C-alpha atoms as a PDB file:
ATOM      1  CA  MET A   1      78.746  65.260  83.887  1.00  0.00           C
ATOM      2  CA  ARG A   2      79.571  63.791  87.327  1.00  0.00           C
ATOM      3  CA  ARG A   3      78.011  65.120  90.610  1.00  0.00           C
ATOM      4  CA  PRO A   4      80.322  65.799  93.349  1.00  0.00           C
ATOM      5  CA  SER A   5      80.143  63.582  96.507  1.00  0.00           C
ATOM      6  CA  PRO A   6      77.618  64.237  99.338  1.00  0.00           C
ATOM      7  CA  SER A   7      80.620  64.953 101.719  1.00  0.00           C
ATOM      8  CA  LEU A   8      82.220  67.184  99.102  1.00  0.00           C
ATOM      9  CA  ARG A   9      79.278  69.307  98.543  1.00  0.00           C
ATOM     10  CA  ARG A  10      78.679  69.713 102.362  1.00  0.00           C
ATOM     11  CA  GLY A  11      82.385  70.858 102.684  1.00  0.00           C
ATOM     12  CA  LEU A  12      81.713  73.440  99.946  1.00  0.00           C
ATOM     13  CA  VAL A  13      78.681  74.662 101.772  1.00  0.00           C
ATOM     14  CA  LEU A  14      80.905  74.923 104.853  1.00  0.00           C
ATOM     15  CA  VAL A  15      83.597  77.025 103.026  1.00  0.00           C
ATOM     16  CA  VAL A  16      81.146  79.303 101.264  1.00  0.00           C
ATOM     17  CA  ALA A  17      79.118  79.802 104.436  1.00  0.00           C
ATOM     18  CA  ALA A  18      82.492  80.698 106.566  1.00  0.00           C
ATOM     19  CA  ALA A  19      83.536  83.086 103.680  1.00  0.00           C
ATOM     20  CA  GLY A  20      80.327  85.014 103.983  1.00  0.00           C
ATOM     21  CA  VAL A  21      80.380  85.313 107.630  1.00  0.00           C
ATOM     22  CA  LEU A  22      84.077  86.158 107.833  1.00  0.00           C
ATOM     23  CA  GLY A  23      83.716  88.575 104.969  1.00  0.00           C
ATOM     24  CA  ALA A  24      80.665  90.311 106.644  1.00  0.00           C
ATOM     25  CA  ALA A  25      82.692  90.630 109.833  1.00  0.00           C
ATOM     26  CA  GLY A  26      85.769  92.193 108.125  1.00  0.00           C
ATOM     27  CA  CYS A  27      83.501  94.924 106.549  1.00  0.00           C
ATOM     28  CA  ARG A  28      82.295  96.184 110.037  1.00  0.00           C
ATOM     29  CA  GLU A  29      85.938  96.205 111.411  1.00  0.00           C
ATOM     30  CA  TYR A  30      87.966  99.550 111.009  1.00  0.00           C
ATOM     31  CA  GLY A  31      91.326  98.162 111.650  1.00  0.00           C
ATOM     32  CA  VAL A  32      93.466  97.735 114.906  1.00  0.00           C
ATOM     33  CA  VAL A  33      92.619 100.130 117.850  1.00  0.00           C
ATOM     34  CA  ALA A  34      95.841 101.392 118.821  1.00  0.00           C
ATOM     35  CA  ALA A  35      94.659 103.652 121.593  1.00  0.00           C
ATOM     36  CA  GLU A  36      91.425 105.241 122.958  1.00  0.00           C
ATOM     37  CA  GLY A  37      90.940 108.814 124.598  1.00  0.00           C
ATOM     38  CA  THR A  38      88.492 111.039 125.871  1.00  0.00           C
ATOM     39  CA  LEU A  39      88.601 114.866 125.860  1.00  0.00           C
ATOM     40  CA  VAL A  40      86.240 116.780 128.199  1.00  0.00           C
ATOM     41  CA  THR A  41      85.276 120.363 127.047  1.00  0.00           C
ATOM     42  CA  SER A  42      82.818 122.839 128.843  1.00  0.00           C
ATOM     43  CA  ALA A  43      80.339 121.640 126.114  1.00  0.00           C
ATOM     44  CA  GLY A  44      80.717 118.042 126.470  1.00  0.00           C
ATOM     45  CA  THR A  45      82.963 115.167 125.828  1.00  0.00           C
ATOM     46  CA  VAL A  46      84.414 113.459 122.864  1.00  0.00           C
ATOM     47  CA  THR A  47      85.714 109.630 122.917  1.00  0.00           C
ATOM     48  CA  VAL A  48      87.904 108.560 120.094  1.00  0.00           C
ATOM     49  CA  GLN A  49      89.900 105.844 118.884  1.00  0.00           C
ATOM     50  CA  CYS A  50      93.351 105.830 117.101  1.00  0.00           C
ATOM     51  CA  ILE A  51      93.033 103.251 114.239  1.00  0.00           C
ATOM     52  CA  ASP A  52      96.394 101.452 113.080  1.00  0.00           C
ATOM     53  CA  ARG A  53      98.285 104.409 114.904  1.00  0.00           C
ATOM     54  CA  THR A  54      97.602 106.914 112.015  1.00  0.00           C
ATOM     55  CA  LYS A  55      93.650 107.223 111.601  1.00  0.00           C
ATOM     56  CA  VAL A  56      91.295 108.539 114.088  1.00  0.00           C
ATOM     57  CA  ARG A  57      87.587 107.748 114.729  1.00  0.00           C
ATOM     58  CA  ILE A  58      84.972 109.462 116.880  1.00  0.00           C
ATOM     59  CA  ALA A  59      83.709 106.673 119.032  1.00  0.00           C
ATOM     60  CA  GLY A  60      81.131 108.718 120.881  1.00  0.00           C
ATOM     61  CA  THR A  61      79.761 112.094 121.945  1.00  0.00           C
ATOM     62  CA  SER A  62      78.238 113.346 125.056  1.00  0.00           C
ATOM     63  CA  PRO A  63      76.906 117.107 125.057  1.00  0.00           C
ATOM     64  CA  VAL A  64      76.082 118.670 128.386  1.00  0.00           C
ATOM     65  CA  SER A  65      72.823 120.195 128.828  1.00  0.00           C
ATOM     66  CA  GLY A  66      71.943 122.773 126.419  1.00  0.00           C
ATOM     67  CA  TYR A  67      74.377 121.791 123.768  1.00  0.00           C
ATOM     68  CA  THR A  68      73.799 119.492 121.044  1.00  0.00           C
ATOM     69  CA  ALA A  69      76.810 117.431 119.369  1.00  0.00           C
ATOM     70  CA  GLU A  70      77.194 116.936 115.525  1.00  0.00           C
ATOM     71  CA  VAL A  71      79.867 114.759 114.222  1.00  0.00           C
ATOM     72  CA  ILE A  72      81.162 116.491 110.899  1.00  0.00           C
ATOM     73  CA  VAL A  73      83.580 113.712 110.289  1.00  0.00           C
ATOM     74  CA  GLU A  74      83.419 110.448 111.958  1.00  0.00           C
ATOM     75  CA  GLY A  75      86.531 108.832 110.527  1.00  0.00           C
ATOM     76  CA  PRO A  76      88.514 106.648 110.483  1.00  0.00           C
ATOM     77  CA  ALA A  77      90.491 109.502 108.717  1.00  0.00           C
ATOM     78  CA  GLY A  78      93.489 111.594 109.364  1.00  0.00           C
ATOM     79  CA  GLN A  79      91.454 113.927 111.223  1.00  0.00           C
ATOM     80  CA  ALA A  80      87.843 113.686 112.822  1.00  0.00           C
ATOM     81  CA  THR A  81      85.769 116.700 113.868  1.00  0.00           C
ATOM     82  CA  VAL A  82      82.622 117.208 116.126  1.00  0.00           C
ATOM     83  CA  GLU A  83      80.881 120.389 116.748  1.00  0.00           C
ATOM     84  CA  PHE A  84      78.986 121.257 119.884  1.00  0.00           C
ATOM     85  CA  THR A  85      76.302 124.023 119.568  1.00  0.00           C
ATOM     86  CA  ASN A  86      74.248 126.128 121.807  1.00  0.00           C
ATOM     87  CA  PRO A  87      71.808 128.970 120.918  1.00  0.00           C
ATOM     88  CA  ASN A  88      72.545 130.546 123.994  1.00  0.00           C
ATOM     89  CA  ALA A  89      76.134 130.315 124.489  1.00  0.00           C
ATOM     90  CA  ASN A  90      79.573 130.053 122.513  1.00  0.00           C
ATOM     91  CA  ASP A  91      80.067 126.983 120.207  1.00  0.00           C
ATOM     92  CA  PHE A  92      82.908 124.488 120.113  1.00  0.00           C
ATOM     93  CA  ARG A  93      84.581 122.708 117.371  1.00  0.00           C
ATOM     94  CA  VAL A  94      86.760 119.868 118.140  1.00  0.00           C
ATOM     95  CA  ALA A  95      89.446 118.500 116.040  1.00  0.00           C
ATOM     96  CA  VAL A  96      90.985 115.094 116.741  1.00  0.00           C
ATOM     97  CA  PHE A  97      93.806 113.181 115.209  1.00  0.00           C
ATOM     98  CA  CYS A  98      96.463 110.488 116.177  1.00  0.00           C
ATOM     99  CA  GLU A  99     100.263 111.360 116.388  1.00  0.00           C
ATOM    100  CA  GLY A 100     102.087 108.071 116.796  1.00  0.00           C
ATOM    101  CA  GLY A 101      99.004 106.166 117.947  1.00  0.00           C
ATOM    102  CA  VAL A 102      97.947 108.854 120.732  1.00  0.00           C
ATOM    103  CA  PRO A 103      94.705 110.575 120.272  1.00  0.00           C
ATOM    104  CA  THR A 104      95.239 114.313 120.258  1.00  0.00           C
ATOM    105  CA  PHE A 105      92.671 117.120 120.557  1.00  0.00           C
ATOM    106  CA  GLN A 106      92.510 120.549 119.398  1.00  0.00           C
ATOM    107  CA  GLU A 107      89.324 122.690 120.616  1.00  0.00           C
ATOM    108  CA  PHE A 108      88.264 125.939 119.049  1.00  0.00           C
ATOM    109  CA  GLU A 109      85.594 128.187 120.697  1.00  0.00           C
ATOM    110  CA  ARG A 110      83.356 130.185 118.329  1.00  0.00           C
ATOM    111  CA  GLU A 111      81.907 133.235 119.864  1.00  0.00           C
ATOM    112  CA  ASP A 112      78.378 133.748 119.099  1.00  0.00           C
ATOM    113  CA  THR A 113      77.694 137.155 117.708  1.00  0.00           C
ATOM    114  CA  THR A 114      74.242 138.951 117.269  1.00  0.00           C
ATOM    115  CA  LEU A 115      73.718 141.782 115.027  1.00  0.00           C
ATOM    116  CA  THR A 116      71.464 144.486 116.526  1.00  0.00           C
ATOM    117  CA  ASP A 117      69.709 147.434 114.847  1.00  0.00           C
END
C-alpha cells in the first residue's frame, strides 16, 4: 500500500484540525441574536437575547439587595423564566419570550403568606 505524500498528510491534518476547531466553536453558539433587552423590576434586572427571532435566552440576572435570582429555564427556548426570592418580601417570577424578534416580559408577583396559630 502506498503512503500519502508529506504535503497531502499535512493538508489532511490541517483540514481535521480546522474541522475540530470550527465544530467546537459551533457547539457554543446558540444562533443569531436578533435583539437584546433588559427588564428592571423591584426585585432586580433580567437581561435576555432573542435567538433566531423566535427563541429567548436569559443572558444574565442581577437581584437587588435582599433578593436572590434563580434561573428556572435559561433557554434558548420558546419561553425562559427566572425567579427572584426574598424571605422578607414578595417574590417575583419573570417569564420572557420573543415576539417577532423583540424581547417581551411578563412579571408575576407572588405574595408571601405566613400561617399563624
